[in-house]
Protein backbone atom coordinates (compact mmCIF):
# COMPACT_ATOMS: atom_id res chain seq x y z
CA MET A 1 -12.33 -4.57 5.49
CA VAL A 2 -15.16 -6.19 7.44
CA HIS A 3 -17.29 -8.32 5.11
CA THR A 4 -20.92 -8.44 6.22
CA LEU A 5 -21.73 -11.28 3.83
CA ALA A 6 -19.17 -13.51 5.58
CA SER A 7 -20.34 -13.18 9.19
CA ASN A 8 -18.54 -9.85 9.66
CA SER A 9 -15.14 -11.45 9.14
CA LEU A 10 -12.06 -9.46 8.13
CA LYS A 11 -11.11 -9.72 4.45
CA GLN A 12 -7.93 -8.61 2.73
CA VAL A 13 -8.40 -5.95 0.07
CA GLU A 14 -4.80 -5.93 -1.12
CA PHE A 15 -1.18 -6.13 -0.02
CA ASN A 16 1.03 -3.13 -0.79
CA THR A 17 4.82 -3.36 -0.73
CA ILE A 18 5.79 -0.13 -2.49
CA ALA A 19 5.10 3.52 -1.65
CA SER A 20 2.59 2.67 1.09
CA SER A 21 1.81 6.21 2.15
CA PHE A 22 0.21 8.10 5.04
CA GLY A 23 2.26 6.43 7.75
CA GLY A 24 3.32 9.95 8.74
CA ILE A 25 0.01 11.77 8.58
CA SER A 26 -1.96 8.83 10.01
CA SER A 27 0.18 8.98 13.14
CA GLN A 28 -1.07 12.54 13.69
CA MET A 29 -4.77 11.70 13.34
CA ILE A 30 -5.05 10.44 16.91
CA ASN A 31 -4.01 13.91 18.14
CA LEU A 32 -6.71 15.53 16.01
CA HIS A 33 -9.43 13.21 17.25
CA ARG A 34 -8.26 13.49 20.86
CA PHE A 35 -8.55 17.27 20.52
CA VAL A 36 -12.09 16.96 19.14
CA LEU A 37 -13.20 14.63 21.95
CA GLU A 38 -11.68 16.92 24.58
CA ARG A 39 -13.43 19.98 23.13
CA LEU A 40 -16.71 18.05 23.22
CA GLY A 41 -16.12 17.13 26.85
CA LEU A 42 -15.89 13.42 26.03
CA THR A 43 -12.59 12.73 27.78
CA ASP A 44 -13.86 9.33 28.93
CA LYS A 45 -13.70 8.25 25.27
CA LEU A 46 -9.96 8.95 24.88
CA LYS A 47 -8.98 5.51 26.18
CA ASP A 48 -10.78 3.90 23.22
CA LEU A 49 -8.54 5.55 20.61
CA PRO A 50 -5.65 3.10 20.03
CA GLU A 51 -2.11 4.46 19.92
CA ASN A 52 -0.59 4.64 16.45
CA HIS A 53 3.19 4.71 16.08
CA ALA A 54 3.35 3.95 12.37
CA LEU A 55 5.71 6.82 11.57
CA LYS A 56 8.17 5.94 14.31
CA GLY A 57 8.06 2.23 13.47
CA LEU A 58 8.58 2.70 9.74
CA CYS A 59 11.43 5.14 10.23
CA GLU A 60 13.10 2.96 12.83
CA GLY A 61 13.07 0.24 10.17
CA MET A 62 14.84 2.46 7.65
CA VAL A 63 17.44 3.51 10.23
CA GLU A 64 17.95 -0.15 11.19
CA ALA A 65 18.52 -1.01 7.51
CA TRP A 66 20.97 1.91 7.27
CA LYS A 67 22.88 0.47 10.25
CA ILE A 68 22.90 -3.00 8.71
CA TYR A 69 24.47 -1.54 5.55
CA GLY A 70 27.37 -0.50 7.75
CA ASN A 71 28.58 2.80 6.27
CA ASN A 72 28.04 5.85 8.47
CA GLU A 73 28.75 8.16 5.52
CA ALA A 74 26.06 6.58 3.32
CA VAL A 75 22.57 8.07 2.92
CA ILE A 76 18.95 7.00 2.71
CA MET A 77 17.50 7.99 -0.66
CA PHE A 78 13.79 8.64 -1.16
CA VAL A 79 12.78 7.95 -4.77
CA ILE A 80 10.09 10.53 -5.45
CA GLU A 81 7.76 11.65 -8.21
CA ASP A 82 8.63 14.66 -10.36
CA ILE A 83 5.92 16.57 -8.49
CA SER A 84 5.19 15.15 -5.04
CA TYR A 85 1.63 16.04 -4.09
CA ASN A 86 1.99 13.93 -0.96
CA ILE A 87 5.21 15.64 0.08
CA CYS A 88 4.01 16.42 3.63
CA ASP A 89 3.69 12.73 4.46
CA GLN A 90 7.15 12.08 3.01
CA ARG A 91 8.69 14.95 5.00
CA PHE A 92 7.31 13.47 8.22
CA HIS A 93 9.42 10.39 7.49
CA GLU A 94 12.49 12.43 6.68
CA PHE A 95 12.28 14.47 9.89
CA GLU A 96 11.54 11.40 12.03
CA ILE A 97 14.63 9.64 10.65
CA GLN A 98 16.69 12.66 11.66
CA LYS A 99 15.13 12.57 15.13
CA ILE A 100 15.92 8.86 15.59
CA ASN A 101 19.53 9.20 14.40
CA ARG A 102 21.13 12.57 13.73
CA ASN A 103 23.89 10.91 11.70
CA THR A 104 21.48 9.54 9.08
CA LYS A 105 21.22 11.82 6.06
CA VAL A 106 18.21 11.68 3.69
CA ILE A 107 18.28 12.79 0.06
CA ARG A 108 15.33 12.97 -2.35
CA ARG A 109 15.73 12.18 -6.06
CA ASN A 110 13.41 11.19 -8.90
CA LEU A 111 14.18 8.42 -11.37
CA THR A 112 15.30 10.87 -14.04
CA GLN A 113 17.86 12.44 -11.70
CA ILE A 114 19.10 9.00 -10.68
CA ALA A 115 19.48 8.08 -14.36
CA GLN A 116 21.56 11.21 -14.94
CA THR A 117 23.92 10.92 -11.97
CA GLY A 118 23.72 7.34 -10.73
CA LYS A 119 26.42 4.70 -11.17
CA LEU A 120 27.83 1.59 -9.55
CA SER A 121 31.21 1.45 -7.86
CA ALA A 122 33.66 -1.38 -8.46
CA SER A 123 32.04 -3.20 -5.52
CA ASN A 124 28.48 -2.47 -6.76
CA GLU A 125 27.76 0.28 -4.28
CA LEU A 126 25.10 2.69 -5.53
CA ILE A 127 26.58 6.15 -6.08
CA VAL A 128 24.22 9.06 -6.81
CA GLU A 129 26.10 12.32 -7.40
CA ASP A 130 28.71 12.11 -4.62
CA TYR A 131 26.56 10.11 -2.20
CA THR A 132 26.87 6.43 -1.41
CA VAL A 133 23.32 5.13 -0.96
CA ALA A 134 22.69 2.63 1.83
CA VAL A 135 18.88 2.44 1.66
CA VAL A 136 16.49 3.20 -1.21
CA TYR A 137 12.94 4.04 -0.13
CA TYR A 138 10.51 4.16 -3.05
CA ARG A 139 7.70 6.70 -2.94
CA ALA A 140 7.47 6.47 -6.73
CA GLY A 141 8.14 3.82 -9.37
CA TYR A 142 4.90 1.89 -8.90
CA GLU A 143 3.14 3.00 -12.08
CA PRO A 144 4.20 3.25 -15.75
CA GLY A 145 3.81 7.05 -15.79
CA HIS A 146 6.83 7.37 -13.49
CA TYR A 147 9.04 5.92 -16.23
CA HIS A 148 9.17 8.61 -18.91
CA SER A 149 11.73 6.82 -21.06
CA GLN A 150 14.16 3.93 -21.10
CA LYS A 151 16.49 6.01 -18.92
CA GLU A 152 14.13 5.74 -15.94
CA TRP A 153 13.83 1.97 -16.41
CA ASP A 154 17.63 1.81 -16.56
CA ALA A 155 17.77 3.75 -13.28
CA ARG A 156 15.48 1.18 -11.65
CA LEU A 157 17.71 -1.63 -12.93
CA LEU A 158 20.81 0.19 -11.67
CA ILE A 159 19.31 0.36 -8.18
CA GLU A 160 18.36 -3.32 -8.27
CA ARG A 161 21.87 -4.34 -9.30
CA SER A 162 23.42 -2.37 -6.44
CA GLN A 163 24.24 -3.35 -2.86
CA ALA A 164 21.82 -0.77 -1.50
CA ILE A 165 19.01 -2.14 0.65
CA LYS A 166 15.79 -1.60 -1.29
CA CYS A 167 12.34 -0.82 0.12
CA PRO A 168 11.13 -2.74 -1.73
CA SER A 169 13.41 -4.91 -3.83
CA ILE A 170 11.88 -5.94 -7.15
CA GLN A 171 10.98 -9.32 -5.64
CA TYR A 172 8.97 -7.71 -2.85
CA HIS A 173 7.47 -5.24 -5.31
CA LEU A 174 6.15 -8.11 -7.42
CA ALA A 175 4.94 -9.93 -4.29
CA GLY A 176 2.40 -7.17 -3.78
CA THR A 177 0.90 -7.30 -7.25
CA LYS A 178 -2.64 -8.43 -8.00
CA LYS A 179 -1.63 -11.52 -9.99
CA VAL A 180 0.50 -12.78 -7.10
CA GLN A 181 -2.39 -12.11 -4.70
CA GLN A 182 -4.64 -14.17 -6.96
CA ALA A 183 -2.03 -16.95 -7.30
CA LEU A 184 -1.60 -17.23 -3.51
CA ALA A 185 -5.33 -17.85 -3.16
CA LYS A 186 -5.12 -20.99 -5.30
CA SER A 187 -5.50 -24.33 -3.60
CA GLY A 188 -2.12 -25.56 -2.35
CA ALA A 189 -0.29 -22.26 -2.81
CA LEU A 190 0.01 -21.31 0.87
CA GLU A 191 1.30 -24.79 1.67
CA MET A 192 4.46 -23.86 -0.25
CA PHE A 193 5.30 -21.24 2.40
CA LEU A 194 3.56 -22.37 5.61
CA SER A 195 3.52 -25.77 7.29
CA ASP A 196 1.20 -25.18 10.24
CA LYS A 197 -2.30 -26.17 9.12
CA LYS A 198 -3.97 -23.82 11.58
CA LYS A 199 -1.97 -20.84 10.31
CA ILE A 200 -2.71 -21.80 6.71
CA GLU A 201 -6.45 -21.78 7.41
CA GLU A 202 -6.20 -18.49 9.30
CA VAL A 203 -4.39 -16.82 6.40
CA ARG A 204 -6.71 -18.35 3.83
CA GLY A 205 -9.66 -17.12 5.88
CA VAL A 206 -8.82 -13.46 5.15
CA PHE A 207 -8.79 -14.01 1.38
CA THR A 208 -11.82 -13.08 -0.65
CA GLY A 209 -12.68 -14.97 -3.81
CA LEU A 210 -9.89 -14.23 -6.30
CA TYR A 211 -10.27 -15.51 -9.84
CA SER A 212 -7.84 -15.76 -12.72
CA LEU A 213 -8.91 -14.58 -16.16
CA ASP A 214 -6.38 -16.79 -17.94
CA PHE A 215 -7.36 -18.62 -21.11
CA ASP A 216 -8.36 -21.89 -19.46
CA GLU A 217 -11.48 -23.47 -18.02
CA LEU A 218 -11.32 -21.52 -14.74
CA GLY A 219 -10.63 -18.26 -16.58
CA ASP A 220 -13.60 -18.81 -18.90
CA GLN A 221 -15.78 -19.56 -15.86
CA ALA A 222 -14.66 -16.26 -14.24
CA VAL A 223 -15.50 -14.38 -17.43
CA ARG A 224 -19.03 -15.82 -17.39
CA MET A 225 -19.48 -14.91 -13.71
CA ALA A 226 -18.37 -11.33 -14.35
CA ILE A 227 -20.74 -10.91 -17.29
CA GLU A 228 -23.72 -12.48 -15.52
CA SER A 229 -23.30 -10.78 -12.09
CA PRO A 230 -20.92 -7.81 -12.38
CA GLU A 231 -22.25 -6.23 -9.17
CA ARG A 232 -20.67 -9.07 -7.16
CA PHE A 233 -17.11 -8.31 -8.22
CA VAL A 234 -14.26 -5.84 -8.65
CA LEU A 235 -12.11 -6.05 -11.78
CA LYS A 236 -8.48 -5.23 -10.96
CA PRO A 237 -5.54 -4.59 -13.30
CA GLN A 238 -1.88 -5.12 -12.49
CA ARG A 239 -1.63 -1.51 -11.27
CA GLU A 240 -1.10 0.42 -8.05
CA GLY A 241 -1.97 3.91 -6.90
CA GLY A 242 -5.78 3.89 -6.94
CA GLY A 243 -8.31 4.82 -9.59
CA ASN A 244 -7.60 1.80 -11.79
CA ASN A 245 -10.26 -0.69 -10.67
CA ILE A 246 -13.57 -1.29 -12.45
CA TYR A 247 -16.92 -1.74 -10.72
CA GLY A 248 -20.57 -2.53 -11.42
CA ASP A 249 -21.96 -2.69 -14.94
CA GLN A 250 -18.69 -1.30 -16.28
CA ILE A 251 -17.15 -4.70 -15.49
CA ARG A 252 -19.43 -6.36 -18.04
CA ASP A 253 -18.46 -3.81 -20.69
CA ALA A 254 -14.75 -4.22 -19.94
CA ILE A 255 -14.88 -8.02 -19.97
CA LEU A 256 -16.78 -8.13 -23.25
CA LYS A 257 -14.13 -5.85 -24.73
CA ILE A 258 -11.14 -7.98 -23.69
CA LYS A 259 -12.58 -11.51 -23.39
CA GLU A 260 -10.94 -12.68 -26.64
CA ASN A 261 -7.81 -10.55 -26.15
CA LYS A 262 -4.64 -11.71 -24.40
CA GLU A 263 -4.90 -8.56 -22.27
CA ARG A 264 -7.60 -10.24 -20.20
CA ALA A 265 -4.99 -12.47 -18.50
CA ALA A 266 -3.39 -9.36 -16.99
CA TRP A 267 -6.52 -8.70 -14.92
CA ILE A 268 -7.98 -10.48 -11.90
CA LEU A 269 -11.56 -10.75 -10.72
CA MET A 270 -12.19 -10.33 -7.01
CA ASP A 271 -15.30 -10.77 -4.89
CA ARG A 272 -16.60 -7.37 -3.85
CA ILE A 273 -16.43 -6.86 -0.09
CA GLN A 274 -19.62 -5.53 1.48
CA PRO A 275 -18.55 -3.57 4.59
CA PRO A 276 -20.90 -2.33 7.32
CA ILE A 277 -22.25 1.19 6.82
CA ILE A 278 -21.82 3.76 9.58
CA GLN A 279 -23.09 7.31 10.04
CA GLY A 280 -20.64 10.19 10.25
CA TYR A 281 -19.12 13.33 8.82
CA ILE A 282 -16.31 13.84 6.32
CA VAL A 283 -14.53 17.19 6.48
CA ARG A 284 -13.36 18.18 3.01
CA PRO A 285 -11.74 21.26 1.47
CA GLY A 286 -14.01 23.57 -0.49
CA GLY A 287 -15.63 25.84 2.06
CA GLN A 288 -18.53 23.63 3.17
CA LYS A 289 -20.80 25.66 5.43
CA ASN A 290 -23.15 22.93 6.53
CA LEU A 291 -21.74 19.47 7.13
CA GLU A 292 -24.26 16.69 6.68
CA VAL A 293 -24.30 13.23 8.19
CA SER A 294 -23.29 10.73 5.50
CA GLU A 295 -23.32 6.97 5.10
CA LEU A 296 -19.69 5.87 5.36
CA VAL A 297 -17.51 2.76 5.10
CA SER A 298 -13.96 2.28 6.34
CA GLU A 299 -10.86 0.33 5.34
CA LEU A 300 -8.13 -0.51 7.86
CA GLY A 301 -4.52 -0.76 6.76
CA ILE A 302 -1.80 -2.38 8.89
CA PHE A 303 1.79 -1.21 8.45
CA GLY A 304 4.43 -3.89 8.75
CA LEU A 305 8.21 -3.86 8.71
CA ILE A 306 10.36 -6.69 7.40
CA ILE A 307 14.12 -6.73 6.81
CA GLY A 308 15.81 -9.80 5.44
CA ASP A 309 17.68 -11.47 2.61
CA SER A 310 17.26 -14.71 0.71
CA THR A 311 18.18 -16.83 3.72
CA ASN A 312 17.42 -14.84 6.87
CA ILE A 313 14.64 -12.62 8.22
CA MET A 314 16.19 -10.17 10.70
CA ILE A 315 13.13 -8.09 11.64
CA ASN A 316 9.43 -8.78 11.07
CA ARG A 317 6.87 -6.80 13.05
CA GLN A 318 3.69 -4.73 12.90
CA VAL A 319 4.36 -1.03 13.48
CA GLY A 320 1.09 0.86 13.15
CA HIS A 321 -2.12 1.37 11.23
CA MET A 322 -4.08 3.65 8.95
CA LEU A 323 -7.85 3.99 8.61
CA ARG A 324 -9.43 5.39 5.46
CA THR A 325 -13.10 6.33 5.42
CA LYS A 326 -15.18 7.15 2.34
CA THR A 327 -18.82 7.66 1.46
CA ALA A 328 -20.68 4.38 1.01
CA SER A 329 -21.54 5.29 -2.58
CA ALA A 330 -17.89 5.81 -3.63
CA ASN A 331 -16.03 2.95 -5.27
CA GLU A 332 -12.49 4.20 -4.72
CA ALA A 333 -11.09 5.21 -1.33
CA GLY A 334 -7.98 7.17 -2.39
CA VAL A 335 -7.29 10.01 0.04
CA ALA A 336 -4.88 11.87 -2.24
CA ALA A 337 -7.40 11.58 -5.08
CA GLY A 338 -10.08 13.17 -2.88
CA ALA A 339 -12.32 10.08 -2.67
CA GLY A 340 -11.71 9.34 1.00
CA ALA A 341 -10.39 10.79 4.24
CA LEU A 342 -7.96 9.69 6.92
CA ASP A 343 -9.66 8.55 10.10
CA SER A 344 -8.97 6.91 13.48
CA PRO A 345 -10.38 3.59 14.70
CA TYR A 346 -12.55 3.75 17.81
CA LEU A 347 -12.55 0.55 19.84
CA VAL A 348 -15.82 -0.88 21.18
CA ASP A 349 -16.69 -4.16 22.90
């Protein structure tokens, strides 16, 4: 997001490595907005809508991983929720994979089904029913509610122990968590992974203030800051999926409740980004007869693809983007939750 309090610089909200959705639907938004501009007679504006090939890029990555696995009979398995409300976005990926390579078969299974039928071969290949699984693509498994019992946790462990290429592996899953984000912002942390001083400063420049709530001097200082000026911050738990963060005066109440409890160390405190406000419309379901101009803010997501192992990175590239827009008064921006809407960036000088 653009942060107006830091000279309109770009600041990182978070880094997602599991079930990053809307790559499929976002790729279609440019067609919608092109259609609107054409109907309005504003064809001169079309050149300012950037191309977005997120779906193609993400699916090419899965097919590339399938090829690296080296078994033409193996499948790509989507790990899904019991009820997939975002199934349309997932199906875009499935159909695009088929378009890229007709020999690549996709199956969809939830963690319970994997627990019931999954096993490892003598060579640690992942077998689900009668399928050998080459690539596991998680669209679930990022929140505790997806694990109904120990069986689902066992299924996750089974997958991790297998030879299948995971998107993500447990290491990459953990790399996207809030506590790791906060740890990387510590002085000296980036130097463990980057040697070029210029690159280190460029990466550090996109971080907002991220503060540990551990039981030490810095954690106690963060607690005091949150109590004294809660409007400056967002309180984030070690959770994904939206709807879990705490804002405003509720931060003070939450901190006072957990300040003496070990639970507080599981949270991080983050500077609240103040993005520029724009004027526009949000089209929502519900039979609105009269759309009104609203104050809006936007959040840009960049989709990346990386394939590698512990010693070698084979592919590492940017493949597309997603823009979410919400009303300026809304704290959360979740599209599936109804708080925001998918959008397209419009480039200006």
